[in-house]
Amino acid sequence: MGLRHKRYLKQNYKVIYYNLLTAGKLNSYLSSIDERARLLFDETVKSLAEKENVTEKFKAENAMLWVQKINNIRNLATEIVNNQIIFN
Protein backbone atom coordinates (compact mmCIF):
# COMPACT_ATOMS: atom_id res chain seq x y z
CA MET A 1 0.00 0.00 0.00
CA GLY A 2 2.93 2.26 0.60
CA LEU A 3 4.05 1.78 -2.99
CA ARG A 4 0.65 2.90 -4.27
CA HIS A 5 0.96 6.05 -2.18
CA LYS A 6 4.48 6.57 -3.54
CA ARG A 7 3.17 6.43 -7.13
CA TYR A 8 0.36 8.80 -6.18
CA LEU A 9 2.82 11.30 -4.67
CA LYS A 10 5.21 11.01 -7.58
CA GLN A 11 2.45 11.68 -10.12
CA ASN A 12 0.41 14.30 -8.27
CA TYR A 13 2.63 15.91 -5.63
CA LYS A 14 6.10 15.92 -7.14
CA VAL A 15 7.46 18.63 -4.83
CA ILE A 16 6.48 16.72 -1.69
CA TYR A 17 7.81 13.47 -3.17
CA TYR A 18 11.20 14.96 -4.06
CA ASN A 19 11.47 16.83 -0.75
CA LEU A 20 10.95 13.56 1.15
CA LEU A 21 13.34 11.77 -1.19
CA THR A 22 16.16 14.29 -0.90
CA ALA A 23 15.72 14.60 2.88
CA GLY A 24 16.08 10.82 3.20
CA LYS A 25 12.64 10.52 4.80
CA LEU A 26 10.72 8.88 1.97
CA ASN A 27 11.15 5.28 3.12
CA SER A 28 10.14 5.96 6.73
CA TYR A 29 7.19 8.06 5.53
CA LEU A 30 6.01 5.28 3.20
CA SER A 31 6.51 2.68 5.92
CA SER A 32 4.29 4.75 8.22
CA ILE A 33 1.64 5.07 5.51
CA ASP A 34 1.79 1.32 4.87
CA GLU A 35 1.38 0.50 8.56
CA ARG A 36 -1.56 2.90 8.99
CA ALA A 37 -3.23 1.55 5.85
CA ARG A 38 -2.86 -2.08 6.92
CA LEU A 39 -4.24 -1.35 10.39
CA LEU A 40 -7.23 0.51 8.95
CA PHE A 41 -7.82 -2.28 6.43
CA ASP A 42 -7.72 -5.02 9.09
CA GLU A 43 -9.98 -3.10 11.48
CA THR A 44 -12.45 -2.27 8.70
CA VAL A 45 -12.64 -5.87 7.48
CA LYS A 46 -13.16 -7.12 11.01
CA SER A 47 -15.89 -4.62 11.85
CA LEU A 48 -17.73 -5.08 8.54
CA ALA A 49 -17.58 -8.87 8.88
CA GLU A 50 -19.04 -8.65 12.39
CA LYS A 51 -21.71 -6.22 11.20
CA GLU A 52 -22.76 -8.53 8.34
CA ASN A 53 -22.42 -11.67 10.51
CA VAL A 54 -19.76 -13.24 8.28
CA THR A 55 -18.32 -15.72 10.77
CA GLU A 56 -16.44 -19.02 10.74
CA LYS A 57 -19.75 -20.76 11.45
CA PHE A 58 -21.23 -19.12 8.36
CA LYS A 59 -18.14 -20.20 6.42
CA ALA A 60 -18.69 -23.83 7.44
CA GLU A 61 -22.36 -23.68 6.48
CA ASN A 62 -22.04 -21.98 3.10
CA ALA A 63 -18.46 -21.57 1.91
CA MET A 64 -19.24 -20.09 -1.51
CA LEU A 65 -21.49 -17.36 -0.10
CA TRP A 66 -18.92 -16.68 2.61
CA VAL A 67 -16.21 -16.17 -0.05
CA GLN A 68 -18.46 -13.80 -1.97
CA LYS A 69 -19.31 -11.76 1.12
CA ILE A 70 -15.74 -11.62 2.44
CA ASN A 71 -14.47 -10.52 -0.98
CA ASN A 72 -17.07 -7.75 -1.06
CA ILE A 73 -16.02 -6.68 2.44
CA ARG A 74 -12.33 -6.67 1.47
CA ASN A 75 -13.07 -4.61 -1.66
CA LEU A 76 -15.01 -2.08 0.39
CA ALA A 77 -12.22 -1.92 2.97
CA THR A 78 -9.70 -1.32 0.16
CA GLU A 79 -11.79 1.58 -1.15
CA ILE A 80 -11.98 3.07 2.34
CA VAL A 81 -8.21 2.78 2.83
CA ASN A 82 -7.57 4.29 -0.61
CA ASN A 83 -9.85 7.27 0.11
CA GLN A 84 -8.64 7.93 3.66
CA ILE A 85 -4.92 7.18 3.45
CA ILE A 86 -3.47 6.24 0.06
CA PHE A 87 -4.98 8.94 -2.16
CA ASN A 88 -5.25 11.66 0.45
PDB file of N, CA and C in Angstrom:
ATOM      1  N   MET A   1       0.821  -1.184   0.000  1.00  0.00           N
ATOM      2  CA  MET A   1       0.000   0.000   0.000  1.00  0.00           C
ATOM      3  C   MET A   1       0.868   1.251   0.000  1.00  0.00           C
ATOM      4  N   GLY A   2       2.018   1.130   0.613  1.00  0.00           N
ATOM      5  CA  GLY A   2       2.933   2.264   0.604  1.00  0.00           C
ATOM      6  C   GLY A   2       3.434   2.583  -0.792  1.00  0.00           C
ATOM      7  N   LEU A   3       3.594   1.554  -1.613  1.00  0.00           N
ATOM      8  CA  LEU A   3       4.051   1.778  -2.990  1.00  0.00           C
ATOM      9  C   LEU A   3       2.991   2.490  -3.826  1.00  0.00           C
ATOM     10  N   ARG A   4       1.713   2.181  -3.557  1.00  0.00           N
ATOM     11  CA  ARG A   4       0.648   2.902  -4.271  1.00  0.00           C
ATOM     12  C   ARG A   4       0.661   4.384  -3.900  1.00  0.00           C
ATOM     13  N   HIS A   5       0.894   4.657  -2.617  1.00  0.00           N
ATOM     14  CA  HIS A   5       0.962   6.054  -2.181  1.00  0.00           C
ATOM     15  C   HIS A   5       2.186   6.744  -2.791  1.00  0.00           C
ATOM     16  N   LYS A   6       3.273   6.020  -2.911  1.00  0.00           N
ATOM     17  CA  LYS A   6       4.482   6.574  -3.538  1.00  0.00           C
ATOM     18  C   LYS A   6       4.196   6.984  -4.981  1.00  0.00           C
ATOM     19  N   ARG A   7       3.530   6.097  -5.742  1.00  0.00           N
ATOM     20  CA  ARG A   7       3.168   6.433  -7.130  1.00  0.00           C
ATOM     21  C   ARG A   7       2.252   7.649  -7.173  1.00  0.00           C
ATOM     22  N   TYR A   8       1.295   7.689  -6.250  1.00  0.00           N
ATOM     23  CA  TYR A   8       0.363   8.804  -6.183  1.00  0.00           C
ATOM     24  C   TYR A   8       1.112  10.112  -5.916  1.00  0.00           C
ATOM     25  N   LEU A   9       2.018  10.102  -4.954  1.00  0.00           N
ATOM     26  CA  LEU A   9       2.815  11.303  -4.665  1.00  0.00           C
ATOM     27  C   LEU A   9       3.657  11.703  -5.865  1.00  0.00           C
ATOM     28  N   LYS A  10       4.312  10.733  -6.462  1.00  0.00           N
ATOM     29  CA  LYS A  10       5.207  11.009  -7.581  1.00  0.00           C
ATOM     30  C   LYS A  10       4.460  11.608  -8.764  1.00  0.00           C
ATOM     31  N   GLN A  11       3.228  11.172  -8.999  1.00  0.00           N
ATOM     32  CA  GLN A  11       2.449  11.675 -10.125  1.00  0.00           C
ATOM     33  C   GLN A  11       1.737  12.986  -9.820  1.00  0.00           C
ATOM     34  N   ASN A  12       1.270  13.171  -8.584  1.00  0.00           N
ATOM     35  CA  ASN A  12       0.406  14.303  -8.272  1.00  0.00           C
ATOM     36  C   ASN A  12       1.032  15.366  -7.373  1.00  0.00           C
ATOM     37  N   TYR A  13       1.993  14.976  -6.560  1.00  0.00           N
ATOM     38  CA  TYR A  13       2.634  15.912  -5.632  1.00  0.00           C
ATOM     39  C   TYR A  13       4.146  15.761  -5.727  1.00  0.00           C
ATOM     40  N   LYS A  14       4.677  16.134  -6.871  1.00  0.00           N
ATOM     41  CA  LYS A  14       6.101  15.915  -7.144  1.00  0.00           C
ATOM     42  C   LYS A  14       7.012  16.654  -6.161  1.00  0.00           C
ATOM     43  N   VAL A  15       6.616  17.863  -5.749  1.00  0.00           N
ATOM     44  CA  VAL A  15       7.455  18.633  -4.832  1.00  0.00           C
ATOM     45  C   VAL A  15       7.573  17.910  -3.489  1.00  0.00           C
ATOM     46  N   ILE A  16       6.454  17.441  -2.961  1.00  0.00           N
ATOM     47  CA  ILE A  16       6.483  16.721  -1.691  1.00  0.00           C
ATOM     48  C   ILE A  16       7.295  15.440  -1.832  1.00  0.00           C
ATOM     49  N   TYR A  17       7.074  14.717  -2.926  1.00  0.00           N
ATOM     50  CA  TYR A  17       7.811  13.475  -3.171  1.00  0.00           C
ATOM     51  C   TYR A  17       9.315  13.725  -3.189  1.00  0.00           C
ATOM     52  N   TYR A  18       9.762  14.712  -3.958  1.00  0.00           N
ATOM     53  CA  TYR A  18      11.200  14.958  -4.064  1.00  0.00           C
ATOM     54  C   TYR A  18      11.783  15.560  -2.791  1.00  0.00           C
ATOM     55  N   ASN A  19      10.990  16.333  -2.041  1.00  0.00           N
ATOM     56  CA  ASN A  19      11.467  16.834  -0.754  1.00  0.00           C
ATOM     57  C   ASN A  19      11.704  15.683   0.221  1.00  0.00           C
ATOM     58  N   LEU A  20      10.769  14.736   0.285  1.00  0.00           N
ATOM     59  CA  LEU A  20      10.950  13.564   1.148  1.00  0.00           C
ATOM     60  C   LEU A  20      12.130  12.720   0.681  1.00  0.00           C
ATOM     61  N   LEU A  21      12.256  12.579  -0.624  1.00  0.00           N
ATOM     62  CA  LEU A  21      13.339  11.767  -1.186  1.00  0.00           C
ATOM     63  C   LEU A  21      14.703  12.371  -0.881  1.00  0.00           C
ATOM     64  N   THR A  22      14.854  13.652  -1.118  1.00  0.00           N
ATOM     65  CA  THR A  22      16.160  14.286  -0.904  1.00  0.00           C
ATOM     66  C   THR A  22      16.499  14.430   0.579  1.00  0.00           C
ATOM     67  N   ALA A  23      15.471  14.505   1.439  1.00  0.00           N
ATOM     68  CA  ALA A  23      15.724  14.595   2.876  1.00  0.00           C
ATOM     69  C   ALA A  23      15.997  13.227   3.493  1.00  0.00           C
ATOM     70  N   GLY A  24      15.847  12.166   2.694  1.00  0.00           N
ATOM     71  CA  GLY A  24      16.083  10.818   3.202  1.00  0.00           C
ATOM     72  C   GLY A  24      14.951  10.301   4.078  1.00  0.00           C
ATOM     73  N   LYS A  25      13.775  10.902   3.958  1.00  0.00           N
ATOM     74  CA  LYS A  25      12.645  10.523   4.801  1.00  0.00           C
ATOM     75  C   LYS A  25      11.563   9.752   4.049  1.00  0.00           C
ATOM     76  N   LEU A  26      11.761   9.508   2.778  1.00  0.00           N
ATOM     77  CA  LEU A  26      10.720   8.882   1.968  1.00  0.00           C
ATOM     78  C   LEU A  26      10.396   7.472   2.457  1.00  0.00           C
ATOM     79  N   ASN A  27      11.401   6.660   2.711  1.00  0.00           N
ATOM     80  CA  ASN A  27      11.150   5.277   3.122  1.00  0.00           C
ATOM     81  C   ASN A  27      10.424   5.192   4.463  1.00  0.00           C
ATOM     82  N   SER A  28      10.825   5.991   5.433  1.00  0.00           N
ATOM     83  CA  SER A  28      10.143   5.957   6.728  1.00  0.00           C
ATOM     84  C   SER A  28       8.722   6.492   6.607  1.00  0.00           C
ATOM     85  N   TYR A  29       8.523   7.512   5.775  1.00  0.00           N
ATOM     86  CA  TYR A  29       7.188   8.056   5.533  1.00  0.00           C
ATOM     87  C   TYR A  29       6.291   6.997   4.897  1.00  0.00           C
ATOM     88  N   LEU A  30       6.790   6.309   3.873  1.00  0.00           N
ATOM     89  CA  LEU A  30       6.006   5.276   3.200  1.00  0.00           C
ATOM     90  C   LEU A  30       5.744   4.087   4.112  1.00  0.00           C
ATOM     91  N   SER A  31       6.702   3.755   4.953  1.00  0.00           N
ATOM     92  CA  SER A  31       6.509   2.678   5.917  1.00  0.00           C
ATOM     93  C   SER A  31       5.386   3.033   6.895  1.00  0.00           C
ATOM     94  N   SER A  32       5.354   4.273   7.332  1.00  0.00           N
ATOM     95  CA  SER A  32       4.291   4.746   8.219  1.00  0.00           C
ATOM     96  C   SER A  32       2.928   4.691   7.534  1.00  0.00           C
ATOM     97  N   ILE A  33       2.885   5.120   6.289  1.00  0.00           N
ATOM     98  CA  ILE A  33       1.644   5.071   5.512  1.00  0.00           C
ATOM     99  C   ILE A  33       1.185   3.623   5.360  1.00  0.00           C
ATOM    100  N   ASP A  34       2.116   2.732   5.054  1.00  0.00           N
ATOM    101  CA  ASP A  34       1.788   1.324   4.874  1.00  0.00           C
ATOM    102  C   ASP A  34       1.229   0.723   6.159  1.00  0.00           C
ATOM    103  N   GLU A  35       1.837   1.030   7.277  1.00  0.00           N
ATOM    104  CA  GLU A  35       1.376   0.501   8.564  1.00  0.00           C
ATOM    105  C   GLU A  35      -0.022   1.021   8.904  1.00  0.00           C
ATOM    106  N   ARG A  36      -0.236   2.320   8.728  1.00  0.00           N
ATOM    107  CA  ARG A  36      -1.560   2.902   8.992  1.00  0.00           C
ATOM    108  C   ARG A  36      -2.621   2.291   8.084  1.00  0.00           C
ATOM    109  N   ALA A  37      -2.277   2.105   6.811  1.00  0.00           N
ATOM    110  CA  ALA A  37      -3.226   1.555   5.852  1.00  0.00           C
ATOM    111  C   ALA A  37      -3.582   0.112   6.195  1.00  0.00           C
ATOM    112  N   ARG A  38      -2.590  -0.673   6.566  1.00  0.00           N
ATOM    113  CA  ARG A  38      -2.855  -2.077   6.917  1.00  0.00           C
ATOM    114  C   ARG A  38      -3.708  -2.186   8.183  1.00  0.00           C
ATOM    115  N   LEU A  39      -3.430  -1.339   9.164  1.00  0.00           N
ATOM    116  CA  LEU A  39      -4.240  -1.346  10.387  1.00  0.00           C
ATOM    117  C   LEU A  39      -5.688  -0.965  10.088  1.00  0.00           C
ATOM    118  N   LEU A  40      -5.878   0.088   9.314  1.00  0.00           N
ATOM    119  CA  LEU A  40      -7.225   0.508   8.955  1.00  0.00           C
ATOM    120  C   LEU A  40      -7.934  -0.578   8.161  1.00  0.00           C
ATOM    121  N   PHE A  41      -7.236  -1.213   7.227  1.00  0.00           N
ATOM    122  CA  PHE A  41      -7.817  -2.284   6.430  1.00  0.00           C
ATOM    123  C   PHE A  41      -8.270  -3.438   7.322  1.00  0.00           C
ATOM    124  N   ASP A  42      -7.389  -3.894   8.212  1.00  0.00           N
ATOM    125  CA  ASP A  42      -7.718  -5.019   9.091  1.00  0.00           C
ATOM    126  C   ASP A  42      -8.894  -4.694  10.005  1.00  0.00           C
ATOM    127  N   GLU A  43      -8.890  -3.495  10.599  1.00  0.00           N
ATOM    128  CA  GLU A  43      -9.980  -3.097  11.483  1.00  0.00           C
ATOM    129  C   GLU A  43     -11.299  -2.975  10.718  1.00  0.00           C
ATOM    130  N   THR A  44     -11.243  -2.443   9.507  1.00  0.00           N
ATOM    131  CA  THR A  44     -12.448  -2.272   8.702  1.00  0.00           C
ATOM    132  C   THR A  44     -13.017  -3.621   8.296  1.00  0.00           C
ATOM    133  N   VAL A  45     -12.169  -4.532   7.859  1.00  0.00           N
ATOM    134  CA  VAL A  45     -12.638  -5.872   7.477  1.00  0.00           C
ATOM    135  C   VAL A  45     -13.280  -6.563   8.682  1.00  0.00           C
ATOM    136  N   LYS A  46     -12.634  -6.474   9.811  1.00  0.00           N
ATOM    137  CA  LYS A  46     -13.157  -7.117  11.013  1.00  0.00           C
ATOM    138  C   LYS A  46     -14.516  -6.541  11.410  1.00  0.00           C
ATOM    139  N   SER A  47     -14.628  -5.232  11.427  1.00  0.00           N
ATOM    140  CA  SER A  47     -15.890  -4.618  11.851  1.00  0.00           C
ATOM    141  C   SER A  47     -17.007  -4.862  10.847  1.00  0.00           C
ATOM    142  N   LEU A  48     -16.698  -4.817   9.551  1.00  0.00           N
ATOM    143  CA  LEU A  48     -17.727  -5.077   8.545  1.00  0.00           C
ATOM    144  C   LEU A  48     -18.169  -6.539   8.567  1.00  0.00           C
ATOM    145  N   ALA A  49     -17.235  -7.446   8.796  1.00  0.00           N
ATOM    146  CA  ALA A  49     -17.581  -8.869   8.876  1.00  0.00           C
ATOM    147  C   ALA A  49     -18.490  -9.131  10.080  1.00  0.00           C
ATOM    148  N   GLU A  50     -18.189  -8.497  11.204  1.00  0.00           N
ATOM    149  CA  GLU A  50     -19.041  -8.646  12.388  1.00  0.00           C
ATOM    150  C   GLU A  50     -20.422  -8.060  12.129  1.00  0.00           C
ATOM    151  N   LYS A  51     -20.450  -6.904  11.484  1.00  0.00           N
ATOM    152  CA  LYS A  51     -21.711  -6.220  11.199  1.00  0.00           C
ATOM    153  C   LYS A  51     -22.598  -7.057  10.276  1.00  0.00           C
ATOM    154  N   GLU A  52     -22.003  -7.724   9.298  1.00  0.00           N
ATOM    155  CA  GLU A  52     -22.755  -8.529   8.341  1.00  0.00           C
ATOM    156  C   GLU A  52     -22.839 -10.002   8.752  1.00  0.00           C
ATOM    157  N   ASN A  53     -22.352 -10.314   9.963  1.00  0.00           N
ATOM    158  CA  ASN A  53     -22.421 -11.665  10.513  1.00  0.00           C
ATOM    159  C   ASN A  53     -21.730 -12.702   9.619  1.00  0.00           C
ATOM    160  N   VAL A  54     -20.574 -12.333   9.100  1.00  0.00           N
ATOM    161  CA  VAL A  54     -19.759 -13.245   8.282  1.00  0.00           C
ATOM    162  C   VAL A  54     -18.741 -13.880   9.227  1.00  0.00           C
ATOM    163  N   THR A  55     -19.107 -15.054   9.742  1.00  0.00           N
ATOM    164  CA  THR A  55     -18.315 -15.722  10.774  1.00  0.00           C
ATOM    165  C   THR A  55     -17.759 -17.043  10.248  1.00  0.00           C
ATOM    166  N   GLU A  56     -16.973 -17.694  11.081  1.00  0.00           N
ATOM    167  CA  GLU A  56     -16.444 -19.017  10.743  1.00  0.00           C
ATOM    168  C   GLU A  56     -17.580 -20.045  10.664  1.00  0.00           C
ATOM    169  N   LYS A  57     -18.588 -19.869  11.505  1.00  0.00           N
ATOM    170  CA  LYS A  57     -19.747 -20.764  11.451  1.00  0.00           C
ATOM    171  C   LYS A  57     -20.453 -20.622  10.098  1.00  0.00           C
ATOM    172  N   PHE A  58     -20.613 -19.381   9.666  1.00  0.00           N
ATOM    173  CA  PHE A  58     -21.229 -19.121   8.362  1.00  0.00           C
ATOM    174  C   PHE A  58     -20.374 -19.718   7.241  1.00  0.00           C
ATOM    175  N   LYS A  59     -19.065 -19.632   7.401  1.00  0.00           N
ATOM    176  CA  LYS A  59     -18.137 -20.199   6.417  1.00  0.00           C
ATOM    177  C   LYS A  59     -18.320 -21.714   6.304  1.00  0.00           C
ATOM    178  N   ALA A  60     -18.494 -22.373   7.436  1.00  0.00           N
ATOM    179  CA  ALA A  60     -18.685 -23.826   7.436  1.00  0.00           C
ATOM    180  C   ALA A  60     -20.023 -24.222   6.816  1.00  0.00           C
ATOM    181  N   GLU A  61     -21.026 -23.370   6.999  1.00  0.00           N
ATOM    182  CA  GLU A  61     -22.361 -23.679   6.482  1.00  0.00           C
ATOM    183  C   GLU A  61     -22.486 -23.418   4.982  1.00  0.00           C
ATOM    184  N   ASN A  62     -21.890 -22.348   4.512  1.00  0.00           N
ATOM    185  CA  ASN A  62     -22.044 -21.976   3.102  1.00  0.00           C
ATOM    186  C   ASN A  62     -20.757 -21.289   2.625  1.00  0.00           C
ATOM    187  N   ALA A  63     -19.795 -22.083   2.246  1.00  0.00           N
ATOM    188  CA  ALA A  63     -18.463 -21.571   1.909  1.00  0.00           C
ATOM    189  C   ALA A  63     -18.471 -20.619   0.724  1.00  0.00           C
ATOM    190  N   MET A  64     -19.230 -20.935  -0.311  1.00  0.00           N
ATOM    191  CA  MET A  64     -19.235 -20.089  -1.511  1.00  0.00           C
ATOM    192  C   MET A  64     -19.814 -18.710  -1.218  1.00  0.00           C
ATOM    193  N   LEU A  65     -20.900 -18.651  -0.456  1.00  0.00           N
ATOM    194  CA  LEU A  65     -21.494 -17.364  -0.103  1.00  0.00           C
ATOM    195  C   LEU A  65     -20.570 -16.589   0.825  1.00  0.00           C
ATOM    196  N   TRP A  66     -19.877 -17.326   1.718  1.00  0.00           N
ATOM    197  CA  TRP A  66     -18.917 -16.680   2.612  1.00  0.00           C
ATOM    198  C   TRP A  66     -17.804 -16.016   1.802  1.00  0.00           C
ATOM    199  N   VAL A  67     -17.273 -16.717   0.800  1.00  0.00           N
ATOM    200  CA  VAL A  67     -16.211 -16.171  -0.051  1.00  0.00           C
ATOM    201  C   VAL A  67     -16.699 -14.912  -0.751  1.00  0.00           C
ATOM    202  N   GLN A  68     -17.900 -14.961  -1.285  1.00  0.00           N
ATOM    203  CA  GLN A  68     -18.459 -13.798  -1.970  1.00  0.00           C
ATOM    204  C   GLN A  68     -18.586 -12.610  -1.019  1.00  0.00           C
ATOM    205  N   LYS A  69     -19.123 -12.852   0.160  1.00  0.00           N
ATOM    206  CA  LYS A  69     -19.313 -11.758   1.123  1.00  0.00           C
ATOM    207  C   LYS A  69     -17.983 -11.212   1.620  1.00  0.00           C
ATOM    208  N   ILE A  70     -17.032 -12.095   1.921  1.00  0.00           N
ATOM    209  CA  ILE A  70     -15.744 -11.619   2.439  1.00  0.00           C
ATOM    210  C   ILE A  70     -14.978 -10.854   1.360  1.00  0.00           C
ATOM    211  N   ASN A  71     -15.101 -11.273   0.099  1.00  0.00           N
ATOM    212  CA  ASN A  71     -14.467 -10.518  -0.982  1.00  0.00           C
ATOM    213  C   ASN A  71     -15.084  -9.137  -1.136  1.00  0.00           C
ATOM    214  N   ASN A  72     -16.402  -9.045  -1.007  1.00  0.00           N
ATOM    215  CA  ASN A  72     -17.068  -7.745  -1.059  1.00  0.00           C
ATOM    216  C   ASN A  72     -16.611  -6.852   0.084  1.00  0.00           C
ATOM    217  N   ILE A  73     -16.483  -7.430   1.273  1.00  0.00           N
ATOM    218  CA  ILE A  73     -16.022  -6.675   2.436  1.00  0.00           C
ATOM    219  C   ILE A  73     -14.588  -6.191   2.223  1.00  0.00           C
ATOM    220  N   ARG A  74     -13.731  -7.049   1.707  1.00  0.00           N
ATOM    221  CA  ARG A  74     -12.330  -6.667   1.468  1.00  0.00           C
ATOM    222  C   ARG A  74     -12.233  -5.574   0.407  1.00  0.00           C
ATOM    223  N   ASN A  75     -13.068  -5.663  -0.634  1.00  0.00           N
ATOM    224  CA  ASN A  75     -13.072  -4.612  -1.661  1.00  0.00           C
ATOM    225  C   ASN A  75     -13.532  -3.275  -1.084  1.00  0.00           C
ATOM    226  N   LEU A  76     -14.545  -3.304  -0.246  1.00  0.00           N
ATOM    227  CA  LEU A  76     -15.014  -2.077   0.386  1.00  0.00           C
ATOM    228  C   LEU A  76     -13.949  -1.508   1.316  1.00  0.00           C
ATOM    229  N   ALA A  77     -13.288  -2.368   2.074  1.00  0.00           N
ATOM    230  CA  ALA A  77     -12.219  -1.916   2.967  1.00  0.00           C
ATOM    231  C   ALA A  77     -11.067  -1.305   2.171  1.00  0.00           C
ATOM    232  N   THR A  78     -10.748  -1.881   1.022  1.00  0.00           N
ATOM    233  CA  THR A  78      -9.698  -1.321   0.161  1.00  0.00           C
ATOM    234  C   THR A  78     -10.079   0.069  -0.326  1.00  0.00           C
ATOM    235  N   GLU A  79     -11.325   0.256  -0.716  1.00  0.00           N
ATOM    236  CA  GLU A  79     -11.787   1.577  -1.151  1.00  0.00           C
ATOM    237  C   GLU A  79     -11.686   2.590  -0.015  1.00  0.00           C
ATOM    238  N   ILE A  80     -12.056   2.177   1.182  1.00  0.00           N
ATOM    239  CA  ILE A  80     -11.981   3.070   2.343  1.00  0.00           C
ATOM    240  C   ILE A  80     -10.536   3.466   2.616  1.00  0.00           C
ATOM    241  N   VAL A  81      -9.637   2.502   2.596  1.00  0.00           N
ATOM    242  CA  VAL A  81      -8.213   2.785   2.828  1.00  0.00           C
ATOM    243  C   VAL A  81      -7.671   3.712   1.740  1.00  0.00           C
ATOM    244  N   ASN A  82      -8.033   3.441   0.496  1.00  0.00           N
ATOM    245  CA  ASN A  82      -7.571   4.292  -0.609  1.00  0.00           C
ATOM    246  C   ASN A  82      -8.038   5.734  -0.409  1.00  0.00           C
ATOM    247  N   ASN A  83      -9.302   5.922  -0.048  1.00  0.00           N
ATOM    248  CA  ASN A  83      -9.850   7.270   0.115  1.00  0.00           C
ATOM    249  C   ASN A  83      -9.285   7.991   1.325  1.00  0.00           C
ATOM    250  N   GLN A  84      -9.060   7.270   2.426  1.00  0.00           N
ATOM    251  CA  GLN A  84      -8.640   7.928   3.657  1.00  0.00           C
ATOM    252  C   GLN A  84      -7.131   8.060   3.816  1.00  0.00           C
ATOM    253  N   ILE A  85      -6.369   7.148   3.221  1.00  0.00           N
ATOM    254  CA  ILE A  85      -4.918   7.181   3.447  1.00  0.00           C
ATOM    255  C   ILE A  85      -4.115   7.259   2.156  1.00  0.00           C
ATOM    256  N   ILE A  86      -4.333   6.353   1.229  1.00  0.00           N
ATOM    257  CA  ILE A  86      -3.466   6.238   0.061  1.00  0.00           C
ATOM    258  C   ILE A  86      -3.581   7.456  -0.861  1.00  0.00           C
ATOM    259  N   PHE A  87      -4.774   7.830  -1.217  1.00  0.00           N
ATOM    260  CA  PHE A  87      -4.977   8.940  -2.159  1.00  0.00           C
ATOM    261  C   PHE A  87      -5.453  10.194  -1.452  1.00  0.00           C
ATOM    262  N   ASN A  88      -4.872  10.479  -0.324  1.00  0.00           N
ATOM    263  CA  ASN A  88      -5.246  11.660   0.450  1.00  0.00           C
ATOM    264  C   ASN A  88      -4.034  12.488   0.752  1.00  0.00           C
TER     265      ASN A  88
END
